[in-house]
N, C-alpha and C. Protein backbone atom coordinates (compact mmCIF):
# COMPACT_ATOMS: atom_id res chain seq x y z
N MET A 1 -44.25 71.66 7.82
CA MET A 1 -44.81 71.82 6.59
C MET A 1 -45.94 70.84 6.67
N THR A 2 -47.48 71.38 6.28
CA THR A 2 -48.86 70.52 6.39
C THR A 2 -48.76 69.99 5.01
N SER A 3 -49.65 69.37 5.00
CA SER A 3 -50.21 68.46 3.82
C SER A 3 -50.90 69.65 2.98
N GLN A 4 -51.91 70.90 3.22
CA GLN A 4 -52.12 71.73 2.13
C GLN A 4 -51.54 72.66 1.76
N ASN A 5 -49.51 72.67 2.58
CA ASN A 5 -48.79 73.61 1.94
C ASN A 5 -48.34 72.71 0.50
N LEU A 6 -48.43 71.31 0.62
CA LEU A 6 -47.77 70.87 -0.71
C LEU A 6 -48.63 71.16 -1.92
N ASN A 7 -47.06 71.04 -2.85
CA ASN A 7 -47.96 71.36 -4.22
C ASN A 7 -48.77 70.12 -4.68
N PRO A 8 -49.43 69.87 -5.22
CA PRO A 8 -50.63 69.18 -5.94
C PRO A 8 -50.03 67.96 -6.93
N LYS A 9 -48.78 68.48 -7.59
CA LYS A 9 -48.10 67.76 -8.30
C LYS A 9 -47.62 66.83 -7.79
N PHE A 10 -46.76 67.01 -6.55
CA PHE A 10 -46.00 65.97 -5.71
C PHE A 10 -46.95 65.32 -4.79
N GLN A 11 -48.30 65.45 -4.86
CA GLN A 11 -48.48 64.58 -3.45
C GLN A 11 -49.06 63.10 -3.83
N ILE A 12 -48.75 62.21 -2.65
CA ILE A 12 -49.04 60.73 -2.94
C ILE A 12 -49.98 60.36 -2.72
N THR A 13 -50.72 59.85 -3.78
CA THR A 13 -52.39 59.54 -3.42
C THR A 13 -52.16 57.51 -3.10
N ASN A 14 -52.94 57.40 -2.11
CA ASN A 14 -53.23 55.93 -2.19
C ASN A 14 -53.45 55.24 -3.32
N ILE A 15 -52.64 54.68 -3.96
CA ILE A 15 -52.89 53.73 -5.48
C ILE A 15 -53.05 52.30 -5.01
N LYS A 16 -54.00 51.47 -5.54
CA LYS A 16 -54.72 50.56 -4.98
C LYS A 16 -53.78 49.43 -6.12
N GLY A 17 -53.49 48.15 -5.66
CA GLY A 17 -53.36 47.34 -7.23
C GLY A 17 -52.64 45.99 -6.63
N PHE A 18 -52.05 45.64 -6.94
CA PHE A 18 -51.10 44.06 -6.85
C PHE A 18 -49.63 44.49 -6.69
N THR A 19 -49.08 44.24 -5.70
CA THR A 19 -47.59 44.19 -6.00
C THR A 19 -46.85 42.97 -6.42
N LEU A 20 -45.34 43.23 -6.94
CA LEU A 20 -45.07 42.13 -7.64
C LEU A 20 -45.00 40.80 -7.00
N ILE A 21 -44.79 40.59 -5.81
CA ILE A 21 -44.72 39.64 -5.01
C ILE A 21 -46.38 38.75 -5.31
N GLU A 22 -47.22 39.50 -5.03
CA GLU A 22 -48.32 38.69 -5.66
C GLU A 22 -49.00 38.41 -6.80
N LEU A 23 -48.27 39.34 -7.63
CA LEU A 23 -48.18 38.94 -9.03
C LEU A 23 -47.52 37.00 -9.50
N ILE A 24 -46.18 37.19 -8.70
CA ILE A 24 -45.31 35.93 -8.63
C ILE A 24 -46.31 35.15 -8.15
N VAL A 25 -46.42 34.80 -7.00
CA VAL A 25 -47.34 34.28 -6.59
C VAL A 25 -48.22 33.53 -7.39
N VAL A 26 -49.34 34.00 -7.79
CA VAL A 26 -50.47 34.36 -8.56
C VAL A 26 -50.34 33.71 -9.77
N PHE A 27 -48.95 34.21 -10.66
CA PHE A 27 -48.36 33.04 -11.91
C PHE A 27 -47.71 31.70 -11.84
N SER A 28 -47.24 31.48 -10.33
CA SER A 28 -46.59 30.50 -10.34
C SER A 28 -47.84 29.46 -10.31
N ILE A 29 -48.85 29.77 -8.98
CA ILE A 29 -49.82 28.41 -9.15
C ILE A 29 -50.70 28.62 -10.13
N ILE A 30 -50.94 29.15 -10.96
CA ILE A 30 -51.32 28.80 -12.83
C ILE A 30 -50.27 27.64 -13.61
N ALA A 31 -48.91 28.56 -13.05
CA ALA A 31 -47.93 27.29 -13.87
C ALA A 31 -48.15 25.85 -13.65
N ILE A 32 -48.40 26.21 -11.91
CA ILE A 32 -48.37 24.30 -11.65
C ILE A 32 -49.64 23.79 -11.69
N LEU A 33 -51.06 24.58 -11.87
CA LEU A 33 -52.17 24.28 -12.22
C LEU A 33 -52.10 23.24 -13.61
N SER A 34 -51.40 24.47 -14.45
CA SER A 34 -51.72 24.03 -15.99
C SER A 34 -50.58 22.95 -16.18
N SER A 35 -49.46 22.67 -15.61
CA SER A 35 -48.34 21.23 -15.64
C SER A 35 -49.26 20.46 -15.69
N VAL A 36 -49.43 20.19 -14.15
CA VAL A 36 -50.97 18.96 -13.81
C VAL A 36 -51.87 18.67 -14.47
N GLY A 37 -52.31 19.56 -15.31
CA GLY A 37 -53.23 19.45 -16.22
C GLY A 37 -52.86 18.95 -17.59
N LEU A 38 -51.47 19.70 -18.21
CA LEU A 38 -51.29 18.71 -18.90
C LEU A 38 -50.63 17.89 -19.12
N ALA A 39 -50.09 17.30 -18.02
CA ALA A 39 -49.43 15.76 -17.97
C ALA A 39 -50.93 14.89 -17.79
N SER A 40 -52.42 15.45 -16.85
CA SER A 40 -53.25 14.42 -17.02
C SER A 40 -53.43 14.63 -18.43
N PHE A 41 -53.77 15.85 -19.06
CA PHE A 41 -54.48 15.02 -20.08
C PHE A 41 -53.83 14.33 -21.62
N VAL A 42 -52.32 14.17 -21.32
CA VAL A 42 -51.26 13.62 -22.39
C VAL A 42 -51.40 12.19 -21.65
N THR A 43 -51.65 11.81 -20.59
CA THR A 43 -52.02 10.65 -20.38
C THR A 43 -53.29 9.92 -20.66
N TYR A 44 -54.03 10.75 -20.55
CA TYR A 44 -55.44 10.44 -21.07
C TYR A 44 -55.65 10.42 -22.38
N SER A 45 -55.38 10.98 -23.15
CA SER A 45 -54.89 10.51 -24.71
C SER A 45 -53.93 9.59 -25.21
N ARG A 46 -52.80 9.60 -24.38
CA ARG A 46 -52.31 8.37 -25.00
C ARG A 46 -53.51 6.76 -24.67
N THR A 47 -54.15 6.86 -23.07
CA THR A 47 -54.88 5.83 -22.63
C THR A 47 -55.56 5.49 -23.88
N GLN A 48 -56.73 6.53 -24.76
CA GLN A 48 -57.60 6.55 -25.40
C GLN A 48 -57.09 5.99 -26.90
N ALA A 49 -56.01 6.50 -26.72
CA ALA A 49 -55.29 5.88 -28.48
C ALA A 49 -55.31 4.16 -28.07
N VAL A 50 -54.78 3.79 -27.11
CA VAL A 50 -54.99 2.52 -27.13
C VAL A 50 -55.82 1.58 -26.95
N THR A 51 -57.24 2.46 -26.18
CA THR A 51 -58.40 1.73 -26.16
C THR A 51 -59.22 1.90 -27.51
N SER A 52 -58.63 2.87 -28.69
CA SER A 52 -59.35 3.48 -29.73
C SER A 52 -59.30 2.00 -30.64
N GLU A 53 -57.59 1.49 -30.99
CA GLU A 53 -57.08 0.44 -31.35
C GLU A 53 -57.48 -0.52 -31.25
N ARG A 54 -57.44 -1.00 -29.60
CA ARG A 54 -58.24 -2.03 -29.28
C ARG A 54 -59.54 -2.61 -29.93
N ASN A 55 -60.62 -1.40 -29.72
CA ASN A 55 -61.29 -1.04 -30.02
C ASN A 55 -61.85 -1.72 -31.61
N ASN A 56 -61.24 -1.14 -32.11
CA ASN A 56 -60.87 -0.99 -33.63
C ASN A 56 -60.59 -2.69 -34.01
N LEU A 57 -60.14 -2.97 -33.63
CA LEU A 57 -59.62 -4.54 -33.66
C LEU A 57 -60.89 -5.53 -32.90
N ILE A 58 -61.47 -5.42 -32.17
CA ILE A 58 -62.45 -5.98 -31.72
C ILE A 58 -63.62 -5.52 -32.84
N LEU A 59 -64.09 -4.65 -33.50
CA LEU A 59 -65.11 -4.57 -34.31
C LEU A 59 -64.81 -5.57 -35.51
N THR A 60 -63.14 -5.45 -35.79
CA THR A 60 -63.12 -6.12 -37.14
C THR A 60 -63.14 -7.58 -36.77
N LEU A 61 -62.79 -8.25 -35.37
CA LEU A 61 -63.18 -9.48 -34.83
C LEU A 61 -64.95 -9.93 -34.78
N ASN A 62 -65.57 -8.87 -34.63
CA ASN A 62 -67.13 -9.19 -34.60
C ASN A 62 -67.61 -8.90 -36.00
N VAL A 63 -67.33 -8.02 -37.02
CA VAL A 63 -67.48 -7.96 -38.31
C VAL A 63 -67.29 -9.36 -39.20
N ALA A 64 -65.94 -10.16 -38.56
CA ALA A 64 -65.57 -11.22 -39.17
C ALA A 64 -66.74 -12.56 -39.09
N LYS A 65 -66.80 -12.52 -37.27
CA LYS A 65 -67.74 -13.29 -36.88
C LYS A 65 -69.37 -13.62 -37.27
N ALA A 66 -69.76 -11.93 -37.40
CA ALA A 66 -71.13 -11.72 -37.77
C ALA A 66 -71.28 -11.92 -39.62
N ARG A 67 -70.41 -11.58 -40.34
CA ARG A 67 -70.23 -12.56 -41.70
C ARG A 67 -70.09 -13.42 -41.64
N ALA A 68 -69.72 -14.43 -41.13
CA ALA A 68 -69.46 -15.86 -40.67
C ALA A 68 -70.76 -16.58 -40.73
N GLN A 69 -71.89 -16.09 -39.65
CA GLN A 69 -72.53 -16.25 -39.40
C GLN A 69 -73.97 -16.13 -40.11
N SER A 70 -73.93 -15.09 -41.14
CA SER A 70 -74.62 -14.59 -41.63
C SER A 70 -74.28 -15.37 -43.38
N GLN A 71 -73.11 -15.74 -43.54
CA GLN A 71 -72.64 -16.28 -44.89
C GLN A 71 -72.49 -15.15 -45.89
N VAL A 72 -72.36 -13.92 -45.63
CA VAL A 72 -71.92 -12.82 -46.61
C VAL A 72 -70.69 -13.12 -47.32
N LYS A 73 -70.64 -13.51 -48.45
CA LYS A 73 -69.59 -13.91 -49.55
C LYS A 73 -69.13 -12.63 -50.52
N PRO A 74 -67.81 -12.22 -50.50
CA PRO A 74 -67.55 -11.34 -51.07
C PRO A 74 -67.41 -11.99 -52.72
N SER A 75 -67.88 -10.39 -53.58
CA SER A 75 -68.36 -11.22 -55.18
C SER A 75 -66.70 -11.87 -55.66
N SER A 76 -65.66 -11.68 -54.92
CA SER A 76 -64.58 -12.37 -55.86
C SER A 76 -64.68 -14.07 -55.06
N CYS A 77 -65.48 -14.03 -54.38
CA CYS A 77 -65.07 -15.64 -54.07
C CYS A 77 -67.07 -16.36 -54.23
N SER A 78 -67.61 -15.40 -55.35
CA SER A 78 -68.69 -15.97 -55.52
C SER A 78 -69.12 -17.68 -56.27
N SER A 79 -68.48 -18.01 -57.02
CA SER A 79 -68.31 -19.31 -57.62
C SER A 79 -67.62 -20.56 -56.50
N GLN A 80 -67.35 -20.38 -55.17
CA GLN A 80 -66.78 -21.01 -54.51
C GLN A 80 -67.57 -21.31 -53.23
N THR A 81 -67.47 -21.99 -52.69
CA THR A 81 -68.34 -22.50 -51.23
C THR A 81 -67.40 -21.78 -50.10
N LEU A 82 -68.02 -20.85 -49.01
CA LEU A 82 -67.53 -20.09 -48.25
C LEU A 82 -67.41 -20.92 -46.87
N ASN A 83 -66.21 -20.63 -46.66
CA ASN A 83 -65.69 -21.58 -45.48
C ASN A 83 -65.71 -20.61 -44.15
N GLY A 84 -65.76 -19.53 -44.41
CA GLY A 84 -65.65 -18.81 -42.96
C GLY A 84 -65.09 -17.20 -42.96
N TYR A 85 -65.00 -16.79 -42.62
CA TYR A 85 -64.12 -15.35 -42.16
C TYR A 85 -62.76 -15.72 -41.07
N GLN A 86 -61.67 -15.08 -41.35
CA GLN A 86 -60.91 -15.15 -40.50
C GLN A 86 -59.92 -13.54 -40.11
N VAL A 87 -59.38 -13.45 -39.54
CA VAL A 87 -58.71 -11.97 -39.07
C VAL A 87 -57.29 -12.57 -38.48
N TYR A 88 -56.30 -12.19 -39.41
CA TYR A 88 -54.74 -12.24 -39.67
C TYR A 88 -54.13 -11.34 -39.04
N ILE A 89 -53.27 -11.89 -37.87
CA ILE A 89 -52.69 -10.34 -37.18
C ILE A 89 -51.24 -10.61 -37.58
N ASN A 90 -50.69 -9.51 -38.20
CA ASN A 90 -49.19 -9.73 -38.15
C ASN A 90 -48.16 -8.53 -37.63
N THR A 91 -47.78 -9.44 -36.20
CA THR A 91 -47.54 -8.58 -35.19
C THR A 91 -46.15 -7.69 -35.74
N ALA A 92 -45.68 -7.93 -36.70
CA ALA A 92 -44.09 -7.56 -37.18
C ALA A 92 -44.46 -6.42 -38.00
N ALA A 93 -45.40 -6.51 -38.68
CA ALA A 93 -46.09 -4.86 -39.46
C ALA A 93 -46.88 -4.35 -38.84
N ASN A 94 -47.52 -5.06 -37.53
CA ASN A 94 -48.56 -4.21 -36.96
C ASN A 94 -49.90 -3.92 -37.84
N THR A 95 -50.03 -5.18 -38.36
CA THR A 95 -51.74 -4.91 -39.31
C THR A 95 -52.27 -6.08 -38.87
N TYR A 96 -53.78 -5.82 -39.41
CA TYR A 96 -54.53 -7.38 -39.39
C TYR A 96 -55.39 -7.19 -40.17
N ILE A 97 -55.73 -8.06 -41.23
CA ILE A 97 -56.11 -8.36 -42.09
C ILE A 97 -57.83 -9.18 -41.67
N LEU A 98 -58.94 -8.60 -42.52
CA LEU A 98 -59.82 -9.63 -42.35
C LEU A 98 -60.06 -10.04 -43.87
N ARG A 99 -60.07 -11.25 -43.95
CA ARG A 99 -60.25 -12.36 -45.03
C ARG A 99 -61.52 -13.21 -45.01
N ALA A 100 -61.60 -13.22 -46.22
CA ALA A 100 -63.08 -14.24 -46.39
C ALA A 100 -62.31 -15.36 -47.19
N VAL A 101 -62.59 -16.63 -46.23
CA VAL A 101 -61.91 -18.35 -46.83
C VAL A 101 -62.85 -19.05 -47.32
N CYS A 102 -62.30 -18.96 -48.76
CA CYS A 102 -63.41 -19.68 -49.71
C CYS A 102 -62.63 -20.91 -50.41
N SER A 103 -63.39 -21.82 -50.91
CA SER A 103 -63.19 -23.37 -50.50
C SER A 103 -61.37 -23.52 -51.72
N THR A 104 -61.30 -22.55 -52.25
CA THR A 104 -59.89 -22.71 -53.06
C THR A 104 -58.89 -21.45 -53.03
N SER A 105 -59.43 -20.08 -52.19
CA SER A 105 -58.58 -18.86 -52.13
C SER A 105 -58.76 -18.40 -50.78
N ILE A 106 -58.41 -17.49 -50.63
CA ILE A 106 -58.57 -16.79 -49.35
C ILE A 106 -58.43 -15.38 -49.87
N VAL A 107 -59.79 -14.53 -49.84
CA VAL A 107 -60.04 -13.04 -50.64
C VAL A 107 -59.60 -12.38 -48.82
N ASP A 108 -58.69 -11.17 -49.16
CA ASP A 108 -58.18 -10.04 -48.14
C ASP A 108 -59.97 -9.12 -48.55
N ILE A 109 -60.42 -9.02 -47.16
CA ILE A 109 -61.42 -7.93 -47.43
C ILE A 109 -60.57 -5.98 -47.04
N SER A 110 -60.09 -6.41 -46.28
CA SER A 110 -59.38 -4.94 -45.67
C SER A 110 -58.17 -5.20 -44.83
N THR A 111 -57.40 -4.35 -44.81
CA THR A 111 -56.33 -4.46 -43.98
C THR A 111 -55.65 -3.46 -43.00
N THR A 112 -55.75 -3.06 -41.73
CA THR A 112 -55.86 -2.13 -40.81
C THR A 112 -54.15 -2.16 -40.58
N ARG A 113 -53.87 -0.78 -40.52
CA ARG A 113 -52.46 -0.48 -39.33
C ARG A 113 -52.45 -0.28 -38.15
N PHE A 114 -51.90 -0.33 -37.00
CA PHE A 114 -51.96 0.04 -35.80
C PHE A 114 -51.25 1.42 -36.31
N SER A 115 -51.80 2.93 -35.50
CA SER A 115 -50.88 4.13 -35.47
C SER A 115 -49.93 4.06 -34.64
N SER A 116 -48.82 4.53 -34.89
CA SER A 116 -47.39 4.91 -34.42
C SER A 116 -47.44 4.87 -32.95
N ASN A 117 -46.17 4.41 -32.37
CA ASN A 117 -46.44 3.87 -30.90
C ASN A 117 -47.18 2.86 -30.19
N ILE A 118 -48.18 2.14 -31.02
CA ILE A 118 -49.00 1.43 -30.79
C ILE A 118 -48.51 -0.20 -31.74
N THR A 119 -48.55 -0.81 -30.44
CA THR A 119 -47.87 -2.44 -31.20
C THR A 119 -48.84 -3.44 -30.87
N PHE A 120 -48.68 -4.77 -31.75
CA PHE A 120 -48.93 -6.18 -30.99
C PHE A 120 -47.83 -6.62 -30.04
N GLN A 121 -48.48 -6.52 -28.66
CA GLN A 121 -47.40 -7.37 -27.74
C GLN A 121 -47.01 -8.90 -28.55
N SER A 122 -48.60 -9.33 -28.11
CA SER A 122 -48.64 -10.41 -28.52
C SER A 122 -49.71 -11.18 -29.09
N ALA A 123 -49.96 -12.06 -30.01
CA ALA A 123 -51.34 -12.59 -30.32
C ALA A 123 -51.11 -14.11 -30.78
N ILE A 124 -51.58 -14.99 -30.01
CA ILE A 124 -51.54 -16.18 -29.48
C ILE A 124 -52.65 -16.43 -29.94
N PRO A 125 -53.15 -17.53 -31.20
CA PRO A 125 -52.55 -17.52 -32.15
C PRO A 125 -52.81 -16.30 -33.50
N THR A 126 -52.25 -16.00 -34.64
CA THR A 126 -52.15 -15.15 -35.19
C THR A 126 -53.59 -14.71 -36.15
N THR A 127 -53.69 -16.12 -36.03
CA THR A 127 -55.23 -16.33 -37.24
C THR A 127 -56.17 -16.94 -36.10
N TYR A 128 -57.22 -15.69 -36.26
CA TYR A 128 -58.37 -15.98 -35.73
C TYR A 128 -59.70 -16.76 -36.91
N PHE A 129 -59.78 -17.32 -36.66
CA PHE A 129 -60.91 -17.91 -37.85
C PHE A 129 -62.65 -18.39 -37.54
N PHE A 130 -63.27 -17.88 -38.28
CA PHE A 130 -64.71 -17.96 -37.83
C PHE A 130 -65.44 -18.81 -38.86
N PRO A 131 -65.98 -20.19 -38.60
CA PRO A 131 -66.48 -20.83 -39.77
C PRO A 131 -68.05 -20.48 -39.96
N VAL A 132 -68.43 -20.23 -40.84
CA VAL A 132 -69.92 -20.30 -41.31
C VAL A 132 -70.74 -20.98 -40.46
N LEU A 133 -71.90 -20.52 -39.98
CA LEU A 133 -72.60 -20.91 -39.27
C LEU A 133 -73.12 -20.98 -37.67
N THR A 134 -71.55 -21.48 -37.50
CA THR A 134 -71.12 -22.04 -36.01
C THR A 134 -71.28 -20.92 -34.70
N GLY A 135 -70.85 -20.06 -35.29
CA GLY A 135 -70.78 -18.88 -34.48
C GLY A 135 -69.20 -18.98 -33.56
N SER A 136 -68.50 -20.23 -33.44
CA SER A 136 -67.57 -20.56 -32.71
C SER A 136 -66.38 -19.71 -33.54
N SER A 137 -65.22 -20.33 -32.99
CA SER A 137 -63.74 -19.51 -33.69
C SER A 137 -62.70 -20.05 -32.97
N THR A 138 -61.39 -19.72 -33.34
CA THR A 138 -60.37 -20.18 -32.92
C THR A 138 -60.10 -19.35 -31.10
N GLY A 139 -59.81 -19.82 -30.23
CA GLY A 139 -59.78 -18.96 -28.88
C GLY A 139 -57.97 -18.72 -28.91
N GLY A 140 -57.95 -17.35 -27.88
CA GLY A 140 -56.74 -17.00 -27.94
C GLY A 140 -56.41 -15.20 -27.28
N THR A 141 -55.66 -14.88 -27.53
CA THR A 141 -55.24 -13.85 -26.40
C THR A 141 -54.39 -13.14 -27.32
N ILE A 142 -55.21 -11.46 -27.60
CA ILE A 142 -54.39 -10.98 -28.22
C ILE A 142 -53.86 -9.75 -27.40
N VAL A 143 -52.37 -8.99 -27.11
CA VAL A 143 -52.02 -8.39 -26.23
C VAL A 143 -51.58 -7.04 -27.05
N ILE A 144 -52.39 -5.46 -26.93
CA ILE A 144 -51.35 -4.55 -27.35
C ILE A 144 -50.84 -3.65 -26.82
N THR A 145 -50.12 -2.90 -27.31
CA THR A 145 -49.14 -1.85 -26.02
C THR A 145 -48.91 -0.75 -26.80
N GLY A 146 -48.88 0.24 -26.16
CA GLY A 146 -48.75 1.97 -26.39
C GLY A 146 -48.53 2.80 -25.39
N TYR A 147 -47.46 3.68 -25.55
CA TYR A 147 -47.27 4.57 -24.24
C TYR A 147 -47.22 3.90 -22.72
N SER A 148 -46.50 2.49 -22.90
CA SER A 148 -46.45 2.23 -21.62
C SER A 148 -47.68 1.65 -20.99
N ILE A 149 -48.87 1.54 -21.76
CA ILE A 149 -50.45 1.29 -21.37
C ILE A 149 -50.53 -0.31 -22.32
N THR A 150 -51.09 -1.21 -21.46
CA THR A 150 -51.27 -2.52 -22.28
C THR A 150 -52.70 -3.13 -21.95
N GLN A 151 -53.22 -3.04 -22.97
CA GLN A 151 -54.58 -3.90 -23.38
C GLN A 151 -54.94 -5.41 -23.40
N THR A 152 -55.96 -6.26 -23.60
CA THR A 152 -56.19 -7.11 -23.73
C THR A 152 -57.03 -7.85 -24.33
N ILE A 153 -57.15 -8.51 -25.81
CA ILE A 153 -58.48 -8.91 -25.91
C ILE A 153 -58.39 -10.65 -25.66
N ASN A 154 -59.33 -10.89 -25.69
CA ASN A 154 -59.69 -12.20 -25.19
C ASN A 154 -60.86 -13.07 -26.30
N VAL A 155 -60.45 -14.07 -27.12
CA VAL A 155 -61.22 -14.55 -28.27
C VAL A 155 -61.71 -16.34 -27.28
N ASN A 156 -62.73 -16.58 -26.85
CA ASN A 156 -63.29 -17.84 -26.65
C ASN A 156 -63.93 -18.42 -27.65
N THR A 157 -63.15 -20.10 -27.56
CA THR A 157 -63.83 -20.65 -28.66
C THR A 157 -65.31 -20.82 -29.06
N ASN A 158 -65.81 -20.37 -27.81
CA ASN A 158 -67.58 -20.29 -28.31
C ASN A 158 -67.66 -18.99 -29.36
N GLY A 159 -66.56 -18.09 -29.58
CA GLY A 159 -66.84 -16.82 -30.49
C GLY A 159 -67.25 -15.96 -29.73
N THR A 160 -67.43 -15.55 -28.17
CA THR A 160 -67.27 -14.29 -27.30
C THR A 160 -65.99 -13.76 -27.72
N ILE A 161 -66.01 -12.40 -28.01
CA ILE A 161 -64.95 -11.54 -27.48
C ILE A 161 -64.86 -10.51 -26.93
N ASN A 162 -64.02 -10.32 -25.96
CA ASN A 162 -64.01 -9.29 -24.94
C ASN A 162 -62.81 -8.60 -24.59
C-alpha cells in the first residue's frame, strides 16, 4: 500500500510542538529561578525595613540636635528656659521619644514605635541629650536588630551621629 492509496482522514502529518519532557524542563527552570528571586527579594525587603527604622531614629536624633542648636522652643515651654532636647529610648516598649527639656519640665514632642520584628538590642545610654547652642551631646551606641539583621548607630560627644 502506498501513501497515495491512504484515506486522507487517516494520514499522519508532521505536527510541530513541544514534548511533555520539554515542557516539564522549562517549567522546572522557571520554578527554580522564581524561588531564588523570591528569596533574594525577601532578604532585601527585610534589610530595607531595618535600615528604614535606623534612618528614622537617626533623623529624630538630628532633629533634636538641630532644635537645640537653633533654640526652637515648643509653645508649652514658652515661659521657661529651654535647656535642650533629648531622645529617650525605651528598649522594653521599642519606642523612642523626642523631648524638649525646659527649666522646670520635660515636654514630649513625638513618640515613635518600631514596626513589628524590629527591636532595640541595646541602647547605652537610653537618653541622648543635646544642650542648647553647643552642638554636643551625650555619647553612646544604639543597636537595632530585626530579621537577624543588626545595625548600629553611634552618637559622639561632639554631636556627630552615624
